[in-house]
C-alpha atoms as a PDB file:
ATOM      1  CA  MET A   1      27.861 -10.140  88.176  1.00  0.00           C
ATOM      2  CA  GLN A   2      28.806  -8.940  84.467  1.00  0.00           C
ATOM      3  CA  ASP A   3      29.485 -12.070  83.716  1.00  0.00           C
ATOM      4  CA  LYS A   4      26.498 -13.810  84.964  1.00  0.00           C
ATOM      5  CA  PHE A   5      24.524 -10.162  83.268  1.00  0.00           C
ATOM      6  CA  ALA A   6      25.946 -11.648  80.036  1.00  0.00           C
ATOM      7  CA  LEU A   7      25.476 -14.598  79.813  1.00  0.00           C
ATOM      8  CA  LEU A   8      21.631 -14.211  80.906  1.00  0.00           C
ATOM      9  CA  THR A   9      20.851 -11.489  78.610  1.00  0.00           C
ATOM     10  CA  LEU A  10      22.804 -13.812  75.460  1.00  0.00           C
ATOM     11  CA  PRO A  11      19.467 -15.464  74.107  1.00  0.00           C
ATOM     12  CA  SER A  12      17.976 -12.611  73.547  1.00  0.00           C
ATOM     13  CA  LYS A  13      20.731 -10.805  71.998  1.00  0.00           C
ATOM     14  CA  GLU A  14      20.829 -13.892  69.837  1.00  0.00           C
ATOM     15  CA  TYR A  15      16.973 -13.838  68.770  1.00  0.00           C
ATOM     16  CA  TYR A  16      17.289 -10.484  68.472  1.00  0.00           C
ATOM     17  CA  LEU A  17      19.841 -10.998  65.653  1.00  0.00           C
ATOM     18  CA  HIS A  18      18.270 -13.488  64.062  1.00  0.00           C
ATOM     19  CA  ILE A  19      14.969 -11.443  64.149  1.00  0.00           C
ATOM     20  CA  THR A  20      17.182  -8.991  62.562  1.00  0.00           C
ATOM     21  CA  ASN A  21      18.566 -10.884  60.036  1.00  0.00           C
ATOM     22  CA  SER A  22      15.247 -12.123  59.024  1.00  0.00           C
ATOM     23  CA  ILE A  23      13.971  -8.662  58.086  1.00  0.00           C
ATOM     24  CA  LYS A  24      16.879  -7.846  55.879  1.00  0.00           C
ATOM     25  CA  ASP A  25      16.557 -10.869  54.748  1.00  0.00           C
ATOM     26  CA  SER A  26      13.135 -10.594  53.528  1.00  0.00           C
ATOM     27  CA  LYS A  27      13.663  -7.098  52.749  1.00  0.00           C
ATOM     28  CA  GLU A  28      16.297  -8.005  50.381  1.00  0.00           C
ATOM     29  CA  LYS A  29      14.314 -11.174  49.062  1.00  0.00           C
ATOM     30  CA  TYR A  30      11.435  -8.813  48.121  1.00  0.00           C
ATOM     31  CA  LEU A  31      13.630  -5.901  46.861  1.00  0.00           C
ATOM     32  CA  GLN A  32      15.385  -8.492  44.437  1.00  0.00           C
ATOM     33  CA  GLN A  33      11.763  -9.530  43.643  1.00  0.00           C
ATOM     34  CA  ALA A  34      10.459  -6.353  42.474  1.00  0.00           C
ATOM     35  CA  ASP A  35      14.064  -5.813  40.588  1.00  0.00           C
ATOM     36  CA  ALA A  36      12.829  -8.848  39.597  1.00  0.00           C
ATOM     37  CA  ILE A  37       9.785  -7.949  38.240  1.00  0.00           C
ATOM     38  CA  GLU A  38      10.510  -4.481  36.618  1.00  0.00           C
ATOM     39  CA  LEU A  39      12.799  -6.543  34.746  1.00  0.00           C
ATOM     40  CA  LEU A  40      10.401  -9.052  33.530  1.00  0.00           C
ATOM     41  CA  LYS A  41       8.140  -5.941  32.573  1.00  0.00           C
ATOM     42  CA  LYS A  42      10.345  -4.328  30.525  1.00  0.00           C
ATOM     43  CA  GLU A  43      11.253  -7.514  28.791  1.00  0.00           C
ATOM     44  CA  ASN A  44       7.540  -8.286  27.899  1.00  0.00           C
ATOM     45  CA  ILE A  45       7.125  -4.668  26.839  1.00  0.00           C
ATOM     46  CA  LEU A  46      10.513  -5.121  24.123  1.00  0.00           C
ATOM     47  CA  LEU A  47       9.012  -8.900  23.176  1.00  0.00           C
ATOM     48  CA  ARG A  48       5.411  -7.509  22.719  1.00  0.00           C
ATOM     49  CA  LYS A  49       7.230  -4.848  20.167  1.00  0.00           C
ATOM     50  CA  TYR A  50       9.247  -6.986  18.729  1.00  0.00           C
ATOM     51  CA  LEU A  51       6.053  -9.744  18.132  1.00  0.00           C
ATOM     52  CA  TYR A  52       3.565  -6.394  16.839  1.00  0.00           C
ATOM     53  CA  GLN A  53       6.636  -5.483  14.298  1.00  0.00           C
ATOM     54  CA  GLN A  54       6.667  -9.386  13.612  1.00  0.00           C
ATOM     55  CA  LYS A  55       3.348  -9.445  12.827  1.00  0.00           C
ATOM     56  CA  ILE A  56       3.278  -6.275  10.447  1.00  0.00           C
ATOM     57  CA  ALA A  57       6.671  -7.461   8.919  1.00  0.00           C
ATOM     58  CA  ILE A  58       4.621 -10.707   7.827  1.00  0.00           C
ATOM     59  CA  VAL A  59       0.901  -8.486   6.745  1.00  0.00           C
ATOM     60  CA  GLU A  60       3.498  -5.826   4.383  1.00  0.00           C
ATOM     61  CA  LEU A  61       4.878  -9.346   3.223  1.00  0.00           C
ATOM     62  CA  GLU A  62       1.430 -11.040   2.289  1.00  0.00           C
ATOM     63  CA  GLN A  63       0.397  -7.695   0.688  1.00  0.00           C
ATOM     64  CA  LEU A  64       3.489  -7.801  -1.057  1.00  0.00           C
ATOM     65  CA  THR A  65       3.295 -11.297  -2.573  1.00  0.00           C
ATOM     66  CA  GLN A  66      -0.649 -11.003  -3.238  1.00  0.00           C
ATOM     67  CA  SER A  67       0.295  -7.253  -5.150  1.00  0.00           C
ATOM     68  CA  ASN A  68       4.018  -9.511  -7.268  1.00  0.00           C
ATOM     69  CA  GLU A  69       3.641  -9.161 -10.652  1.00  0.00           C
ATOM     70  CA  LYS A  70       6.960 -10.997 -12.506  1.00  0.00           C
ATOM     71  CA  LYS A  71       6.774  -8.790 -15.685  1.00  0.00           C
ATOM     72  CA  PHE A  72       7.000  -5.947 -13.916  1.00  0.00           C
ATOM     73  CA  ASN A  73       9.464  -6.956 -11.697  1.00  0.00           C
ATOM     74  CA  ASP A  74      12.587  -6.882 -14.476  1.00  0.00           C
ATOM     75  CA  HIS A  75      10.807  -3.676 -16.137  1.00  0.00           C
ATOM     76  CA  GLU A  76      13.675  -1.223 -16.075  1.00  0.00           C
ATOM     77  CA  THR A  77      11.096   1.943 -16.545  1.00  0.00           C
ATOM     78  CA  ILE A  78       9.119   0.355 -13.377  1.00  0.00           C
ATOM     79  CA  LEU A  79       9.692   0.496 -10.061  1.00  0.00           C
ATOM     80  CA  ARG A  80       7.941  -0.413  -6.687  1.00  0.00           C
ATOM     81  CA  VAL A  81       6.260   2.412  -4.835  1.00  0.00           C
ATOM     82  CA  GLN A  82       4.484   1.447  -1.162  1.00  0.00           C
ATOM     83  CA  THR A  83       1.293   3.775   0.252  1.00  0.00           C
ATOM     84  CA  ILE A  84       2.946   5.758   3.422  1.00  0.00           C
ATOM     85  CA  SER A  85      -0.487   7.350   4.455  1.00  0.00           C
ATOM     86  CA  TYR A  86      -4.004   8.741   2.793  1.00  0.00           C
ATOM     87  CA  LYS A  87      -2.959  12.637   2.020  1.00  0.00           C
ATOM     88  CA  LYS A  88      -6.605  13.936   4.381  1.00  0.00           C
ATOM     89  CA  LEU A  89      -8.338  11.503   6.714  1.00  0.00           C
ATOM     90  CA  ASN A  90     -11.953  11.778   4.826  1.00  0.00           C
ATOM     91  CA  ASP A  91     -10.486  11.740   1.230  1.00  0.00           C
ATOM     92  CA  PHE A  92      -9.756   8.312   0.104  1.00  0.00           C
ATOM     93  CA  SER A  93      -8.479   8.957  -3.456  1.00  0.00           C
ATOM     94  CA  GLN A  94      -5.247  10.913  -2.924  1.00  0.00           C
ATOM     95  CA  ILE A  95      -2.615   8.905  -0.910  1.00  0.00           C
ATOM     96  CA  TYR A  96       1.279   9.734  -0.045  1.00  0.00           C
ATOM     97  CA  LEU A  97       3.773   7.220  -1.540  1.00  0.00           C
ATOM     98  CA  THR A  98       7.244   6.197  -0.637  1.00  0.00           C
ATOM     99  CA  ASN A  99       9.899   8.684  -2.601  1.00  0.00           C
ATOM    100  CA  SER A 100      12.328   7.667  -5.098  1.00  0.00           C
ATOM    101  CA  SER A 101      15.277  10.173  -6.075  1.00  0.00           C
ATOM    102  CA  GLU A 102      14.972   8.890  -9.407  1.00  0.00           C
ATOM    103  CA  LEU A 103      11.400  10.497 -10.469  1.00  0.00           C
ATOM    104  CA  GLY A 104      11.708  13.758 -11.544  1.00  0.00           C
ATOM    105  CA  GLU A 105       9.442  16.694 -10.556  1.00  0.00           C
ATOM    106  CA  ASP A 106       5.976  17.841 -11.674  1.00  0.00           C
ATOM    107  CA  LYS A 107       6.069  14.900 -13.814  1.00  0.00           C
ATOM    108  CA  ILE A 108       2.228  12.500 -14.407  1.00  0.00           C
ATOM    109  CA  TYR A 109       3.058   8.629 -13.186  1.00  0.00           C
ATOM    110  CA  GLY A 110       1.142   5.794 -13.770  1.00  0.00           C
ATOM    111  CA  LEU A 111       0.311   3.659 -10.648  1.00  0.00           C
ATOM    112  CA  ILE A 112      -0.601   0.121 -11.485  1.00  0.00           C
ATOM    113  CA  GLN A 113      -1.794  -1.902  -8.594  1.00  0.00           C
ATOM    114  CA  LYS A 114      -0.809  -5.591  -9.726  1.00  0.00           C
ATOM    115  CA  ASN A 115      -1.515  -5.680 -13.251  1.00  0.00           C
ATOM    116  CA  VAL A 116      -4.175  -3.109 -13.501  1.00  0.00           C
ATOM    117  CA  VAL A 117      -4.256   0.854 -13.528  1.00  0.00           C
ATOM    118  CA  ALA A 118      -4.724   2.060 -10.165  1.00  0.00           C
ATOM    119  CA  GLY A 119      -4.244   6.082 -10.576  1.00  0.00           C
ATOM    120  CA  ILE A 120      -1.312   8.915 -11.487  1.00  0.00           C
ATOM    121  CA  ALA A 121       0.961  10.010  -8.974  1.00  0.00           C
ATOM    122  CA  ILE A 122       2.905  13.341  -8.880  1.00  0.00           C
ATOM    123  CA  LYS A 123       6.440  13.964  -7.661  1.00  0.00           C
ATOM    124  CA  GLU A 124       5.820  17.695  -5.748  1.00  0.00           C
ATOM    125  CA  HIS A 125       8.321  19.273  -3.281  1.00  0.00           C
ATOM    126  CA  ASP A 126      10.345  16.009  -3.132  1.00  0.00           C
ATOM    127  CA  THR A 127       6.872  14.300  -1.971  1.00  0.00           C
ATOM    128  CA  LEU A 128       5.562  11.642  -4.569  1.00  0.00           C
ATOM    129  CA  LYS A 129       1.207  12.021  -3.912  1.00  0.00           C
ATOM    130  CA  GLY A 130      -0.927   9.162  -5.638  1.00  0.00           C
ATOM    131  CA  ILE A 131      -4.250  10.003  -6.906  1.00  0.00           C
ATOM    132  CA  LEU A 132      -6.324   7.212  -7.504  1.00  0.00           C
ATOM    133  CA  LEU A 133      -9.092   6.329 -10.006  1.00  0.00           C
ATOM    134  CA  SER A 134     -11.852   7.760  -7.876  1.00  0.00           C
ATOM    135  CA  ASN A 135     -10.600  11.202  -7.776  1.00  0.00           C
ATOM    136  CA  PRO A 136     -11.245  13.493 -11.025  1.00  0.00           C
ATOM    137  CA  ILE A 137      -8.240  14.935 -11.153  1.00  0.00           C
ATOM    138  CA  CYS A 138      -6.587  11.028 -12.351  1.00  0.00           C
ATOM    139  CA  GLN A 139      -6.830  11.565 -16.107  1.00  0.00           C
ATOM    140  CA  PHE A 140      -4.926   8.837 -18.407  1.00  0.00           C
ATOM    141  CA  SER A 141      -5.954   8.195 -22.232  1.00  0.00           C
ATOM    142  CA  THR A 142      -7.036   4.516 -23.233  1.00  0.00           C
ATOM    143  CA  PHE A 143      -8.889   2.597 -25.750  1.00  0.00           C
ATOM    144  CA  ILE A 144     -12.052   1.131 -26.158  1.00  0.00           C
ATOM    145  CA  GLY A 145     -12.827  -2.210 -27.408  1.00  0.00           C
ATOM    146  CA  LYS A 146     -11.052  -4.398 -30.511  1.00  0.00           C
ATOM    147  CA  LYS A 147     -11.159  -1.259 -32.800  1.00  0.00           C
ATOM    148  CA  LYS A 148      -9.457   0.502 -29.780  1.00  0.00           C
ATOM    149  CA  THR A 149     -11.481   3.584 -30.125  1.00  0.00           C
ATOM    150  CA  PRO A 150      -9.706   6.137 -27.827  1.00  0.00           C
ATOM    151  CA  GLY A 151     -10.890   8.261 -25.399  1.00  0.00           C
ATOM    152  CA  ILE A 152      -9.798   9.693 -21.783  1.00  0.00           C
ATOM    153  CA  ALA A 153     -10.475   8.727 -18.988  1.00  0.00           C
ATOM    154  CA  LYS A 154     -11.222  10.416 -15.652  1.00  0.00           C
ATOM    155  CA  GLY A 155     -12.316   9.348 -12.114  1.00  0.00           C
ATOM    156  CA  ILE A 156     -15.613   9.303 -10.735  1.00  0.00           C
ATOM    157  CA  ASP A 157     -15.933   6.918  -7.534  1.00  0.00           C
ATOM    158  CA  ALA A 158     -14.058   4.000  -6.481  1.00  0.00           C
ATOM    159  CA  GLU A 159     -15.373   1.846  -8.376  1.00  0.00           C
ATOM    160  CA  ASN A 160     -16.404   3.334 -11.649  1.00  0.00           C
ATOM    161  CA  ILE A 161     -14.512   6.274 -14.081  1.00  0.00           C
ATOM    162  CA  GLU A 162     -15.922   7.905 -17.299  1.00  0.00           C
ATOM    163  CA  VAL A 163     -14.143   7.956 -20.532  1.00  0.00           C
ATOM    164  CA  ASN A 164     -14.762  11.020 -22.974  1.00  0.00           C
ATOM    165  CA  PHE A 165     -14.224  12.303 -25.730  1.00  0.00           C
ATOM    166  CA  ILE A 166     -14.735   9.700 -27.398  1.00  0.00           C
ATOM    167  CA  PRO A 167     -15.523  10.219 -31.235  1.00  0.00           C
ATOM    168  CA  LYS A 168     -19.588   9.924 -31.801  1.00  0.00           C
ATOM    169  CA  TRP A 169     -19.357   7.611 -34.858  1.00  0.00           C
ATOM    170  CA  SER A 170     -17.666   5.316 -33.396  1.00  0.00           C
ATOM    171  CA  LYS A 171     -19.692   2.065 -32.666  1.00  0.00           C
ATOM    172  CA  ILE A 172     -18.908   0.982 -29.031  1.00  0.00           C
ATOM    173  CA  ASN A 173     -21.060  -1.296 -26.687  1.00  0.00           C
ATOM    174  CA  VAL A 174     -21.770  -2.544 -23.432  1.00  0.00           C
ATOM    175  CA  GLY A 175     -19.031  -5.139 -22.182  1.00  0.00           C
ATOM    176  CA  ASP A 176     -16.613  -3.649 -23.951  1.00  0.00           C
ATOM    177  CA  LYS A 177     -12.874  -3.694 -22.436  1.00  0.00           C
ATOM    178  CA  VAL A 178     -11.016  -0.850 -21.616  1.00  0.00           C
ATOM    179  CA  MET A 179      -6.917  -0.713 -21.873  1.00  0.00           C
ATOM    180  CA  THR A 180      -4.358   2.067 -21.287  1.00  0.00           C
ATOM    181  CA  SER A 181      -3.452   3.694 -25.383  1.00  0.00           C
ATOM    182  CA  GLY A 182       0.050   4.340 -23.721  1.00  0.00           C
ATOM    183  CA  LEU A 183      -0.024   7.478 -26.032  1.00  0.00           C
ATOM    184  CA  ASP A 184      -0.438   9.436 -22.955  1.00  0.00           C
ATOM    185  CA  ASN A 185       3.356   9.070 -21.771  1.00  0.00           C
ATOM    186  CA  ILE A 186       1.923   7.988 -18.910  1.00  0.00           C
ATOM    187  CA  PHE A 187       1.274   4.554 -18.651  1.00  0.00           C
ATOM    188  CA  LEU A 188       2.788   1.475 -20.966  1.00  0.00           C
ATOM    189  CA  PRO A 189      -0.272   0.730 -23.554  1.00  0.00           C
ATOM    190  CA  ASN A 190      -2.383  -2.526 -23.434  1.00  0.00           C
ATOM    191  CA  ILE A 191      -2.935  -2.230 -19.105  1.00  0.00           C
ATOM    192  CA  PRO A 192      -6.256  -3.098 -18.247  1.00  0.00           C
ATOM    193  CA  VAL A 193      -8.522  -0.375 -16.695  1.00  0.00           C
ATOM    194  CA  GLY A 194     -12.324  -1.905 -16.872  1.00  0.00           C
ATOM    195  CA  GLU A 195     -14.932  -2.609 -19.034  1.00  0.00           C
ATOM    196  CA  VAL A 196     -17.543  -0.487 -20.135  1.00  0.00           C
ATOM    197  CA  THR A 197     -21.290  -0.574 -17.845  1.00  0.00           C
ATOM    198  CA  ASN A 198     -22.970   2.266 -19.805  1.00  0.00           C
ATOM    199  CA  ILE A 199     -22.630   4.906 -22.717  1.00  0.00           C
ATOM    200  CA  ILE A 200     -24.051   8.212 -22.859  1.00  0.00           C
ATOM    201  CA  THR A 201     -24.292  10.097 -26.303  1.00  0.00           C
ATOM    202  CA  LYS A 202     -23.681  13.538 -26.019  1.00  0.00           C
ATOM    203  CA  SER A 203     -23.727  16.364 -28.479  1.00  0.00           C
ATOM    204  CA  THR A 204     -20.851  16.109 -30.160  1.00  0.00           C
ATOM    205  CA  TYR A 205     -19.331  12.915 -28.341  1.00  0.00           C
ATOM    206  CA  LYS A 206     -20.047   9.683 -26.223  1.00  0.00           C
ATOM    207  CA  THR A 207     -19.027   9.048 -22.894  1.00  0.00           C
ATOM    208  CA  ALA A 208     -18.728   5.631 -21.489  1.00  0.00           C
ATOM    209  CA  ILE A 209     -19.398   4.719 -17.604  1.00  0.00           C
ATOM    210  CA  VAL A 210     -16.635   2.369 -16.968  1.00  0.00           C
ATOM    211  CA  LYS A 211     -16.539   0.082 -14.180  1.00  0.00           C
ATOM    212  CA  THR A 212     -12.973  -0.336 -12.971  1.00  0.00           C
ATOM    213  CA  TYR A 213     -10.552  -3.581 -12.146  1.00  0.00           C
ATOM    214  CA  ALA A 214      -7.914  -2.140  -8.988  1.00  0.00           C
ATOM    215  CA  ASP A 215      -8.900  -2.320  -5.798  1.00  0.00           C
ATOM    216  CA  ILE A 216      -8.507   1.275  -4.620  1.00  0.00           C
ATOM    217  CA  MET A 217      -9.898   0.831  -0.889  1.00  0.00           C
ATOM    218  CA  HIS A 218      -6.937  -1.001  -0.351  1.00  0.00           C
ATOM    219  CA  PRO A 219      -3.908   0.879  -1.534  1.00  0.00           C
ATOM    220  CA  ASN A 220      -0.627  -1.137  -0.384  1.00  0.00           C
ATOM    221  CA  PHE A 221       1.812  -2.002  -3.526  1.00  0.00           C
ATOM    222  CA  PHE A 222       1.965  -0.385  -6.547  1.00  0.00           C
ATOM    223  CA  TYR A 223       3.986  -0.532  -9.252  1.00  0.00           C
ATOM    224  CA  LEU A 224       5.236   2.977 -11.019  1.00  0.00           C
ATOM    225  CA  VAL A 225       5.793   3.859 -14.645  1.00  0.00           C
ATOM    226  CA  LYS A 226       8.694   5.756 -14.771  1.00  0.00           C
ATOM    227  CA  GLU A 227       8.955   6.522 -18.226  1.00  0.00           C
ATOM    228  CA  VAL A 228       7.236   4.810 -21.399  1.00  0.00           C
ATOM    229  CA  LEU A 229       9.729   3.694 -23.904  1.00  0.00           C
ATOM    230  CA  ILE A 230       7.885   1.223 -25.635  1.00  0.00           C
ATOM    231  CA  LYS A 231       6.034   1.776 -28.388  1.00  0.00           C
ATOM    232  CA  GLN A 232       2.259   0.264 -28.808  1.00  0.00           C
ATOM    233  CA  ASN A 233       3.695  -1.203 -32.110  1.00  0.00           C
ATOM    234  CA  ASP A 234       6.183  -3.420 -30.398  1.00  0.00           C
ATOM    235  CA  ILE A 235       4.028  -4.147 -27.742  1.00  0.00           C
ATOM    236  CA  ASN A 236       3.352  -8.181 -28.082  1.00  0.00           C
ATOM    237  CA  ILE A 237      -0.024  -8.824 -26.047  1.00  0.00           C
ATOM    238  CA  SER A 238       0.330 -12.263 -26.489  1.00  0.00           C
ATOM    239  CA  GLN A 239       3.163 -12.003 -23.712  1.00  0.00           C
ATOM    240  CA  ILE A 240       1.111  -9.769 -21.085  1.00  0.00           C
ATOM    241  CA  LYS A 241      -0.486 -12.756 -18.872  1.00  0.00           C
ATOM    242  CA  LEU A 242      -3.018 -11.657 -16.978  1.00  0.00           C
ATOM    243  CA  ASP A 243      -3.570 -13.512 -13.153  1.00  0.00           C
ATOM    244  CA  SER A 244      -7.029 -14.859 -12.453  1.00  0.00           C
ATOM    245  CA  ASN A 245      -8.286 -11.218 -11.386  1.00  0.00           C
ATOM    246  CA  VAL A 246      -8.342 -10.508 -14.726  1.00  0.00           C
ATOM    247  CA  THR A 247      -8.867 -12.534 -17.226  1.00  0.00           C
ATOM    248  CA  GLU A 248      -7.070 -13.150 -20.699  1.00  0.00           C
ATOM    249  CA  ASP A 249     -10.393 -11.955 -22.804  1.00  0.00           C
ATOM    250  CA  MET A 250     -10.070  -8.524 -21.496  1.00  0.00           C
ATOM    251  CA  LEU A 251      -7.171  -8.055 -24.235  1.00  0.00           C
END
């Protein structure tokens, strides 16, 4: 009877094992698929991260290429700096720059954007701060026109500066080119600044309103003048070649 009963129940047991094994196989496949999906998600996130980093690198490389100026690249007293962030979100005239151990504290450095003046920089508490042309704190020495009339530039806004303390008897005109003098130990001489658009005569001196060349609303890479070693009389102006955004007649 036991043998006969075993034979009778054998198909049921076999069917039960088949169902059990099918469930186990399905569970394992599901778990494998879930693991594979999770792995693919992680790989996808990682690939997106790499892609984002590559895009950032490409953008920075394009910006670096656009800001490149050969005559400054091998200059022993000039180094490259890059903008890290704005100092304040509501103030586009002050930025933090990549630092350098070569720079000393409490000294004013000149900032050049490609080949034109963009502002000044000061290192305080081991932090390099850029002060762009739109900030009134940004001041440096300039020459105006072919006769090189002296004046002190001061920031106004994103497109204009004013040059003060111009001798009242000086003959300056709208359209005159404004260059750095190099006499303030901030900038090399003959770096283009802008063009005179208006002249105001005051009681003891003249003030020139100057439209600047720099694009300070897009502060990416700059050349920083560590030290002014070249005297103005030693500068060969014909060797300073400007790009298409600043024509040679500015000199």
